[in-house]
Amino acid sequence: MNVSARGLLGLRERIGSSLFHRVAGPEGPVNRARIHGAPGPRWFGPDRPIRTVHGDASMFIGGLRALLLQSLHPLAMAAVAAHSGYRGDPWGRLQRTSTFLAVTTFGPAADAQQTVDHVRAVHERVAGTTATGEKYHAADPHLLAWVHIAEVDSFLCAHRLYGAHPLDAAGRDAYIADAARVATALGVLDPPRDQAELEDRLAAYLPELRASQEAREAARFILLHPPLPWVARLPYAVLALNAVASLPPWARRHLGLPRVPGTESRFIRMTGRALTSAIRWAMTPPRATSRTD
């Protein structure tokens, strides 16, 4: 291996390690070893679409889109604003979410069930009243279903636009069916199991959606004030722009986000594909090669 190749490999390792630490947290290496290395049956086999989607770099954009979309249900957003600590510990919240997705998607079935049971216990304790006097409870199956639908729609949309190997129609239906298994374990009643059902359920929530003050504040925090060093601001801005551009028009209107014209949308999508490709490159361990130096 020549000097330039070693330098490129070192850069790849540094970027990949930094990204992994941000997303997975200090316990990431230990969790990864157990999730992927522990013996035993899994909820999903290696050929299942949920592994394809959740293991792809497009999740960086899909996750931001999901947060923006989820915020539009005022009761769900009130629970997040009052109990999640996303402002004080945004990376902690991201790391808990990414660990949950990793364990339920790739981990041993016993660990997946234990993780789901823990989240359900947390949801049972999260309850309150909004500023307008509406009561909320995080364990409410109706709110759980909205959070699930917004996530699945966002992850699938981002994978279709930015994934390394986008799923075909049958694959997308299979992904939604896979995700329904996790949703059911979390307490969602009759989650959607194909694209048609997903679209119908999303449309059914539209009358309930609006941009509360908490939602607008969350959008400003996510899009304009991320807790990042300056060197990471430009790549993050590309991810955020692509998340916004992929939102449905009604969601952008609710949040007061600008409409993206067709020409600009195509350019933004090109930047998103380039950045997700770079993230994918950085986070994929290089293949072992024989020494030539």
Protein backbone atom coordinates (compact mmCIF):
# COMPACT_ATOMS: atom_id res chain seq x y z
CA MET A 1 0.00 0.00 0.00
CA ASN A 2 1.53 3.32 -1.04
CA VAL A 3 1.60 6.51 1.02
CA SER A 4 -1.37 8.14 -0.70
CA ALA A 5 -3.47 5.01 -0.28
CA ARG A 6 -2.57 4.80 3.42
CA GLY A 7 -3.46 8.46 3.82
CA LEU A 8 -6.83 7.93 2.16
CA LEU A 9 -7.50 4.91 4.33
CA GLY A 10 -6.59 6.91 7.42
CA LEU A 11 -8.93 9.72 6.40
CA ARG A 12 -11.70 7.20 5.80
CA GLU A 13 -11.20 5.68 9.23
CA ARG A 14 -11.15 9.06 10.99
CA ILE A 15 -14.33 10.28 9.29
CA GLY A 16 -16.11 6.97 9.80
CA SER A 17 -15.10 6.81 13.45
CA SER A 18 -16.24 10.39 14.08
CA LEU A 19 -19.62 9.78 12.45
CA PHE A 20 -20.12 6.53 14.30
CA HIS A 21 -19.27 8.16 17.64
CA ARG A 22 -21.79 10.94 17.00
CA VAL A 23 -24.57 8.55 16.05
CA ALA A 24 -23.87 5.64 18.40
CA GLY A 25 -22.28 7.38 21.39
CA PRO A 26 -19.48 6.22 23.70
CA GLU A 27 -21.07 2.78 24.12
CA GLY A 28 -21.29 2.35 20.35
CA PRO A 29 -18.40 -0.13 19.88
CA VAL A 30 -19.66 -2.38 22.70
CA ASN A 31 -23.24 -2.20 21.45
CA ARG A 32 -22.17 -2.89 17.87
CA ALA A 33 -20.19 -5.97 18.91
CA ARG A 34 -23.19 -7.40 20.75
CA ILE A 35 -25.78 -6.42 18.14
CA HIS A 36 -23.90 -8.01 15.27
CA GLY A 37 -21.78 -10.62 17.04
CA ALA A 38 -23.98 -12.20 19.70
CA PRO A 39 -25.42 -15.58 18.72
CA GLY A 40 -29.11 -16.35 18.51
CA PRO A 41 -32.12 -15.78 16.28
CA ARG A 42 -33.02 -12.31 15.00
CA TRP A 43 -36.38 -10.72 14.26
CA PHE A 44 -35.22 -10.17 10.68
CA GLY A 45 -33.04 -12.34 8.50
CA PRO A 46 -30.08 -10.96 6.51
CA ASP A 47 -32.13 -10.72 3.31
CA ARG A 48 -34.96 -8.62 4.77
CA PRO A 49 -35.57 -5.10 3.34
CA ILE A 50 -35.57 -3.48 6.80
CA ARG A 51 -31.87 -4.32 7.05
CA THR A 52 -31.23 -2.76 3.65
CA VAL A 53 -32.98 0.49 4.57
CA HIS A 54 -31.81 0.89 8.17
CA GLY A 55 -28.24 0.03 7.30
CA ASP A 56 -27.92 2.66 4.57
CA ALA A 57 -26.45 6.18 4.78
CA SER A 58 -29.75 7.59 3.50
CA MET A 59 -30.97 7.26 7.12
CA PHE A 60 -29.08 10.48 7.93
CA ILE A 61 -31.54 12.37 5.72
CA GLY A 62 -34.50 10.15 6.58
CA GLY A 63 -34.00 10.73 10.28
CA LEU A 64 -34.07 14.52 9.94
CA ARG A 65 -37.15 14.32 7.72
CA ALA A 66 -38.87 12.08 10.28
CA LEU A 67 -38.22 14.54 13.11
CA LEU A 68 -39.70 17.42 11.11
CA LEU A 69 -42.72 15.39 10.04
CA GLN A 70 -43.40 13.96 13.50
CA SER A 71 -43.35 17.45 15.02
CA LEU A 72 -46.54 18.34 13.16
CA HIS A 73 -48.76 16.36 15.51
CA PRO A 74 -49.23 18.80 18.41
CA LEU A 75 -49.71 16.09 21.06
CA ALA A 76 -46.68 14.08 19.95
CA MET A 77 -44.60 17.27 19.78
CA ALA A 78 -45.75 18.37 23.23
CA ALA A 79 -44.54 15.06 24.67
CA VAL A 80 -41.17 15.45 22.93
CA ALA A 81 -40.76 19.08 24.02
CA ALA A 82 -41.60 18.36 27.65
CA HIS A 83 -39.90 15.02 28.20
CA SER A 84 -37.25 14.15 25.61
CA GLY A 85 -34.58 16.72 26.47
CA TYR A 86 -33.75 17.14 22.80
CA ARG A 87 -32.39 20.65 23.36
CA GLY A 88 -30.22 19.85 26.36
CA ASP A 89 -29.01 16.48 25.08
CA PRO A 90 -29.75 16.18 21.34
CA TRP A 91 -26.91 13.75 20.72
CA GLY A 92 -28.07 11.54 23.55
CA ARG A 93 -31.54 11.37 22.04
CA LEU A 94 -30.08 10.57 18.61
CA GLN A 95 -27.88 7.87 20.09
CA ARG A 96 -30.78 6.26 21.95
CA THR A 97 -32.88 6.26 18.78
CA SER A 98 -30.10 4.86 16.60
CA THR A 99 -29.36 2.14 19.16
CA PHE A 100 -33.05 1.20 19.28
CA LEU A 101 -33.17 0.90 15.49
CA ALA A 102 -29.95 -1.10 15.39
CA VAL A 103 -30.97 -3.54 18.12
CA THR A 104 -34.46 -4.21 16.75
CA THR A 105 -33.22 -4.48 13.16
CA PHE A 106 -29.97 -6.41 13.55
CA GLY A 107 -29.71 -7.62 17.14
CA PRO A 108 -30.65 -10.89 18.85
CA ALA A 109 -34.39 -11.35 19.29
CA ALA A 110 -34.10 -11.40 23.09
CA ASP A 111 -32.26 -8.06 23.07
CA ALA A 112 -34.79 -6.59 20.64
CA GLN A 113 -37.67 -7.55 22.91
CA GLN A 114 -35.89 -6.22 25.99
CA THR A 115 -35.25 -2.90 24.22
CA VAL A 116 -38.88 -2.61 23.16
CA ASP A 117 -40.06 -3.41 26.69
CA HIS A 118 -37.83 -0.64 28.05
CA VAL A 119 -39.20 1.91 25.58
CA ARG A 120 -42.78 0.90 26.39
CA ALA A 121 -42.09 1.41 30.09
CA VAL A 122 -40.70 4.90 29.36
CA HIS A 123 -43.76 5.75 27.25
CA GLU A 124 -46.07 4.76 30.12
CA ARG A 125 -44.46 7.44 32.31
CA VAL A 126 -44.68 10.25 29.73
CA ALA A 127 -47.95 12.14 30.07
CA GLY A 128 -49.08 15.73 30.44
CA THR A 129 -51.18 18.57 29.14
CA THR A 130 -50.43 20.96 26.28
CA ALA A 131 -50.56 24.75 26.55
CA THR A 132 -54.07 24.60 25.06
CA GLY A 133 -55.30 22.11 27.66
CA GLU A 134 -55.13 18.91 25.58
CA LYS A 135 -53.96 15.81 27.40
CA TYR A 136 -51.34 13.53 25.91
CA HIS A 137 -49.84 10.17 26.82
CA ALA A 138 -46.88 8.75 24.92
CA ALA A 139 -48.30 5.23 25.23
CA ASP A 140 -51.48 6.25 23.37
CA PRO A 141 -51.65 3.85 20.37
CA HIS A 142 -52.90 6.69 18.17
CA LEU A 143 -49.82 8.82 18.87
CA LEU A 144 -47.53 5.81 18.62
CA ALA A 145 -49.01 5.08 15.20
CA TRP A 146 -48.32 8.63 14.01
CA VAL A 147 -44.68 8.47 15.11
CA HIS A 148 -44.31 5.10 13.39
CA ILE A 149 -45.98 6.23 10.15
CA ALA A 150 -43.87 9.40 9.97
CA GLU A 151 -40.69 7.38 10.49
CA VAL A 152 -41.49 4.67 7.96
CA ASP A 153 -42.58 7.20 5.35
CA SER A 154 -39.41 9.24 5.91
CA PHE A 155 -36.95 6.35 5.97
CA LEU A 156 -38.49 4.86 2.84
CA CYS A 157 -38.61 8.22 1.02
CA ALA A 158 -34.95 8.92 1.81
CA HIS A 159 -33.90 5.44 0.75
CA ARG A 160 -35.77 5.77 -2.53
CA LEU A 161 -34.00 9.07 -3.27
CA TYR A 162 -30.55 8.47 -1.78
CA GLY A 163 -30.14 4.76 -1.07
CA ALA A 164 -27.30 2.77 -2.59
CA HIS A 165 -29.74 0.17 -3.92
CA PRO A 166 -33.31 1.56 -3.78
CA LEU A 167 -36.01 -1.05 -3.27
CA ASP A 168 -38.53 -1.88 -5.95
CA ALA A 169 -42.28 -1.74 -5.24
CA ALA A 170 -42.38 -5.24 -3.75
CA GLY A 171 -39.33 -4.43 -1.61
CA ARG A 172 -40.95 -1.25 -0.31
CA ASP A 173 -44.07 -3.20 0.68
CA ALA A 174 -41.88 -5.78 2.41
CA TYR A 175 -40.01 -3.03 4.29
CA ILE A 176 -43.28 -1.58 5.58
CA ALA A 177 -44.37 -5.08 6.67
CA ASP A 178 -41.04 -5.60 8.47
CA ALA A 179 -41.36 -2.26 10.27
CA ALA A 180 -44.90 -3.21 11.30
CA ARG A 181 -43.50 -6.02 13.41
CA VAL A 182 -41.51 -3.57 15.52
CA ALA A 183 -44.44 -1.15 15.68
CA THR A 184 -46.78 -3.87 16.94
CA ALA A 185 -44.30 -4.79 19.65
CA LEU A 186 -44.22 -1.12 20.70
CA GLY A 187 -48.00 -0.97 21.05
CA VAL A 188 -49.17 0.32 17.66
CA LEU A 189 -52.52 -1.20 16.75
CA ASP A 190 -52.73 -2.60 13.21
CA PRO A 191 -49.83 -0.66 11.64
CA PRO A 192 -49.71 -0.32 7.83
CA ARG A 193 -48.18 -3.26 5.99
CA ASP A 194 -47.79 -1.96 2.44
CA GLN A 195 -47.48 1.32 0.54
CA ALA A 196 -51.20 1.73 -0.08
CA GLU A 197 -51.99 1.35 3.62
CA LEU A 198 -49.16 3.70 4.56
CA GLU A 199 -50.47 6.42 2.23
CA ASP A 200 -54.03 5.96 3.54
CA ARG A 201 -52.95 6.19 7.19
CA LEU A 202 -50.81 9.25 6.56
CA ALA A 203 -53.73 10.98 4.81
CA ALA A 204 -56.03 10.12 7.72
CA TYR A 205 -53.83 12.10 10.12
CA LEU A 206 -53.78 15.28 8.01
CA PRO A 207 -56.72 16.98 9.81
CA GLU A 208 -54.87 16.63 13.12
CA LEU A 209 -51.57 18.11 11.95
CA ARG A 210 -50.42 21.68 12.48
CA ALA A 211 -47.28 23.58 13.39
CA SER A 212 -47.46 24.33 17.10
CA GLN A 213 -45.04 26.76 18.69
CA GLU A 214 -43.04 23.75 19.90
CA ALA A 215 -42.91 22.37 16.36
CA ARG A 216 -41.62 25.64 14.89
CA GLU A 217 -39.00 25.91 17.64
CA ALA A 218 -37.91 22.32 17.03
CA ALA A 219 -37.59 22.98 13.29
CA ARG A 220 -35.43 26.05 13.93
CA PHE A 221 -33.24 24.08 16.30
CA ILE A 222 -32.86 21.13 13.90
CA LEU A 223 -32.28 23.21 10.78
CA LEU A 224 -30.52 26.36 11.98
CA HIS A 225 -28.88 25.70 15.34
CA PRO A 226 -27.51 22.15 15.41
CA PRO A 227 -24.94 21.58 18.17
CA LEU A 228 -22.07 20.95 15.78
CA PRO A 229 -18.53 22.25 15.29
CA TRP A 230 -18.17 24.68 12.39
CA VAL A 231 -16.33 22.14 10.26
CA ALA A 232 -19.44 19.93 10.27
CA ARG A 233 -21.97 22.69 9.59
CA LEU A 234 -21.77 22.58 5.76
CA PRO A 235 -22.28 18.80 5.43
CA TYR A 236 -25.11 19.00 7.96
CA ALA A 237 -26.70 21.86 5.98
CA VAL A 238 -26.69 19.61 2.91
CA LEU A 239 -28.45 16.86 4.86
CA ALA A 240 -30.98 19.34 6.26
CA LEU A 241 -31.71 20.88 2.85
CA ASN A 242 -32.37 17.46 1.40
CA ALA A 243 -34.62 16.53 4.32
CA VAL A 244 -36.67 19.70 3.79
CA ALA A 245 -36.81 19.25 0.00
CA SER A 246 -38.13 15.70 0.41
CA LEU A 247 -41.01 16.72 2.71
CA PRO A 248 -44.50 16.81 1.18
CA PRO A 249 -45.60 20.37 0.28
CA TRP A 250 -48.26 20.46 3.00
CA ALA A 251 -45.63 19.69 5.67
CA ARG A 252 -43.36 22.50 4.44
CA ARG A 253 -46.30 24.92 4.48
CA HIS A 254 -47.19 24.00 8.06
CA LEU A 255 -43.63 24.62 9.21
CA GLY A 256 -43.20 27.80 7.16
CA LEU A 257 -40.36 26.26 5.15
CA PRO A 258 -39.75 27.55 1.62
CA ARG A 259 -40.97 25.78 -1.48
CA VAL A 260 -38.09 24.37 -3.48
CA PRO A 261 -38.42 24.99 -7.26
CA GLY A 262 -37.81 22.06 -9.58
CA THR A 263 -34.36 23.16 -10.79
CA GLU A 264 -33.11 23.87 -7.28
CA SER A 265 -34.67 20.64 -6.02
CA ARG A 266 -32.72 18.61 -8.57
CA PHE A 267 -29.47 20.36 -7.58
CA ILE A 268 -30.16 19.80 -3.88
CA ARG A 269 -30.83 16.13 -4.58
CA MET A 270 -27.49 15.84 -6.39
CA THR A 271 -25.71 17.22 -3.32
CA GLY A 272 -27.63 14.80 -1.11
CA ARG A 273 -26.62 11.83 -3.23
CA ALA A 274 -23.00 12.95 -3.24
CA LEU A 275 -22.91 13.42 0.54
CA THR A 276 -24.68 10.15 1.36
CA SER A 277 -22.26 8.37 -0.96
CA ALA A 278 -19.37 9.95 0.95
CA ILE A 279 -20.88 8.93 4.30
CA ARG A 280 -21.44 5.41 3.00
CA TRP A 281 -17.81 5.24 1.88
CA ALA A 282 -16.53 6.50 5.21
CA MET A 283 -18.64 4.17 7.34
CA THR A 284 -18.12 0.99 5.32
CA PRO A 285 -15.07 -0.93 6.55
CA PRO A 286 -12.55 -1.29 3.72
CA ARG A 287 -11.98 -4.73 2.31
CA ALA A 288 -8.84 -6.47 3.39
CA THR A 289 -6.12 -6.30 0.76
CA SER A 290 -2.74 -7.92 0.42
CA ARG A 291 0.27 -5.77 1.17
CA THR A 292 2.19 -4.44 -1.79
CA ASP A 293 4.49 -1.95 -0.09
